[in-house]
Protein backbone atom coordinates (compact mmCIF):
# COMPACT_ATOMS: atom_id res chain seq x y z
CA MET A 1 -23.52 23.72 3.81
CA LYS A 2 -21.47 20.59 3.14
CA ARG A 3 -18.62 20.75 0.70
CA LYS A 4 -18.54 18.00 -1.88
CA ILE A 5 -15.33 15.97 -1.66
CA LYS A 6 -13.52 16.06 -4.99
CA GLN A 7 -12.73 12.60 -6.28
CA PRO A 8 -9.14 12.39 -7.56
CA GLU A 9 -8.44 11.11 -11.06
CA VAL A 10 -6.67 7.78 -10.81
CA LYS A 11 -5.09 6.18 -13.86
CA CYS A 12 -4.12 2.54 -14.19
CA PRO A 13 -0.34 2.12 -14.57
CA TYR A 14 -0.83 -1.19 -16.41
CA CYS A 15 -3.31 -0.41 -19.17
CA GLY A 16 -3.66 3.38 -19.01
CA ARG A 17 -7.42 3.35 -18.43
CA MET A 18 -9.03 5.45 -15.74
CA ALA A 19 -9.96 3.87 -12.43
CA VAL A 20 -13.47 4.13 -11.07
CA LEU A 21 -14.52 4.39 -7.44
CA ARG A 22 -16.65 1.41 -6.44
CA ASP A 23 -17.91 -0.24 -3.31
CA ALA A 24 -15.33 -2.79 -2.15
CA SER A 25 -17.94 -5.53 -2.34
CA TYR A 26 -17.62 -5.25 -6.14
CA VAL A 27 -14.33 -7.17 -5.79
CA TYR A 28 -14.46 -8.79 -2.35
CA LYS A 29 -18.20 -9.56 -2.12
CA GLU A 30 -19.18 -9.99 1.57
CA ASN A 31 -15.48 -10.19 2.64
CA ALA A 32 -14.80 -6.50 1.94
CA LEU A 33 -12.60 -4.81 4.55
CA ASP A 34 -12.38 -1.41 2.88
CA LYS A 35 -15.52 0.54 2.13
CA TYR A 36 -14.38 1.66 -1.32
CA LEU A 37 -11.78 0.77 -3.93
CA TYR A 38 -10.42 2.50 -7.00
CA ILE A 39 -10.70 -0.21 -9.64
CA CYS A 40 -9.30 -0.11 -13.17
CA SER A 41 -12.19 0.41 -15.58
CA GLY A 42 -10.83 -2.64 -17.43
CA TYR A 43 -11.47 -4.91 -14.42
CA PRO A 44 -11.50 -7.95 -14.31
CA GLU A 45 -9.29 -8.26 -17.43
CA CYS A 46 -6.98 -5.72 -15.82
CA ASP A 47 -6.82 -6.78 -12.17
CA ALA A 48 -5.55 -3.47 -10.77
CA TYR A 49 -7.14 -1.76 -7.79
CA VAL A 50 -6.34 -0.01 -4.52
CA GLY A 51 -8.21 0.70 -1.28
CA VAL A 52 -9.43 4.11 -0.14
CA HIS A 53 -8.60 5.81 3.18
CA ALA A 54 -11.59 5.69 5.53
CA GLY A 55 -13.65 8.88 5.55
CA SER A 56 -12.13 10.18 2.33
CA LEU A 57 -11.86 9.49 -1.36
CA ARG A 58 -8.05 9.39 -1.17
CA PRO A 59 -6.46 6.19 -2.53
CA LYS A 60 -4.19 4.34 -0.10
CA GLY A 61 -1.55 4.11 -2.81
CA SER A 62 -1.28 3.41 -6.50
CA LEU A 63 -3.28 0.81 -8.38
CA ALA A 64 -1.63 -2.60 -8.21
CA ASN A 65 -2.20 -5.97 -9.82
CA GLY A 66 -2.47 -9.15 -7.77
CA ASP A 67 1.28 -9.82 -7.66
CA LEU A 68 2.14 -6.32 -6.49
CA ARG A 69 -0.73 -6.23 -3.97
CA HIS A 70 0.58 -9.47 -2.46
CA LYS A 71 4.15 -8.14 -2.38
CA ARG A 72 3.02 -4.91 -0.68
CA ILE A 73 1.18 -6.94 1.98
CA GLU A 74 4.31 -9.04 2.61
CA THR A 75 6.46 -5.90 2.72
CA HIS A 76 4.13 -4.30 5.26
CA ARG A 77 4.19 -7.47 7.38
CA LEU A 78 7.99 -7.33 7.61
CA PHE A 79 8.10 -3.57 8.10
CA ASP A 80 5.42 -3.63 10.80
CA ALA A 81 7.33 -6.37 12.64
CA ILE A 82 10.09 -3.82 13.30
CA TRP A 83 7.88 -1.52 15.35
CA LYS A 84 5.60 -4.26 16.71
CA ASN A 85 8.68 -5.97 18.21
CA GLY A 86 9.81 -2.70 19.80
CA ILE A 87 12.96 -2.25 17.71
CA PHE A 88 11.74 1.23 16.75
CA SER A 89 8.54 3.09 17.50
CA ARG A 90 6.18 3.25 14.52
CA LYS A 91 7.24 6.85 13.86
CA GLU A 92 10.93 5.93 14.11
CA ALA A 93 10.41 2.98 11.73
CA TYR A 94 8.97 5.29 9.07
CA ARG A 95 11.84 7.72 9.64
CA TRP A 96 14.30 4.80 9.25
CA MET A 97 12.60 3.88 5.95
CA GLN A 98 12.87 7.47 4.73
CA ASP A 99 16.54 7.69 5.66
CA THR A 100 17.41 4.26 4.23
CA PHE A 101 15.92 5.04 0.81
CA SER A 102 16.30 8.84 0.73
CA LEU A 103 12.54 9.39 0.69
CA ASN A 104 10.51 12.29 1.96
CA SER A 105 7.47 11.64 4.14
CA SER A 106 5.04 11.72 1.22
CA GLN A 107 7.07 9.04 -0.63
CA ALA A 108 7.45 6.68 2.35
CA HIS A 109 4.24 4.69 1.81
CA ILE A 110 4.39 1.03 0.88
CA GLY A 111 1.12 1.49 -1.02
CA GLN A 112 3.09 3.59 -3.52
CA PHE A 113 5.99 1.17 -3.84
CA SER A 114 6.95 -0.73 -6.98
CA ASP A 115 7.91 -4.38 -7.05
CA TYR A 116 11.60 -3.39 -6.91
CA ARG A 117 11.20 -0.97 -3.99
CA CYS A 118 9.23 -3.61 -2.06
CA ASP A 119 12.09 -6.09 -2.60
CA CYS A 120 14.61 -3.52 -1.35
CA LEU A 121 12.59 -2.68 1.76
CA MET A 122 11.94 -6.35 2.56
CA ASN A 123 15.69 -7.04 2.39
CA GLU A 124 16.48 -4.13 4.72
CA CYS A 125 13.69 -5.13 7.13
CA ARG A 126 15.01 -8.70 7.28
CA LYS A 127 18.46 -7.37 8.19
CA VAL A 128 17.07 -5.23 11.01
CA LEU A 129 14.91 -8.08 12.32
CA GLN A 130 17.75 -10.60 12.17
CA ASN A 131 20.19 -8.19 13.86
CA ASN A 132 17.63 -7.90 16.66
CA HIS A 133 17.07 -11.68 16.87
CA VAL A 134 13.50 -11.55 15.57
CA ARG A 135 12.57 -14.55 13.45
CA THR A 136 11.03 -13.97 10.05
CA ALA A 137 8.92 -16.63 8.38
């Protein structure tokens, strides 16, 4: 007998409405990369949504509007450059992030970060990349 996966309750931090689980094509049409998204029930007036981990109903982070989604993508690009350029292993890079910002492993996810925390991590990533002679665009 299969167990039904319990869908978490996700609330929009911008307008307070509940998010609904929808097929990603609802937002991205035929360009959908994720299978599902949690989308604010006020969409499109409230432009907040977040992807879902493959094979689960677990959100990849917190709902974010367009500005924060873009900032999280940029933050991940800089952070990933640290391990992709061999400065740290991926595991070591996440440990560095935890140590730098006094986070535990459940808090060290860019998908949970605020605008401010993204700015802080991007600044620290730039320092590490520059100290290791890796160009940032």
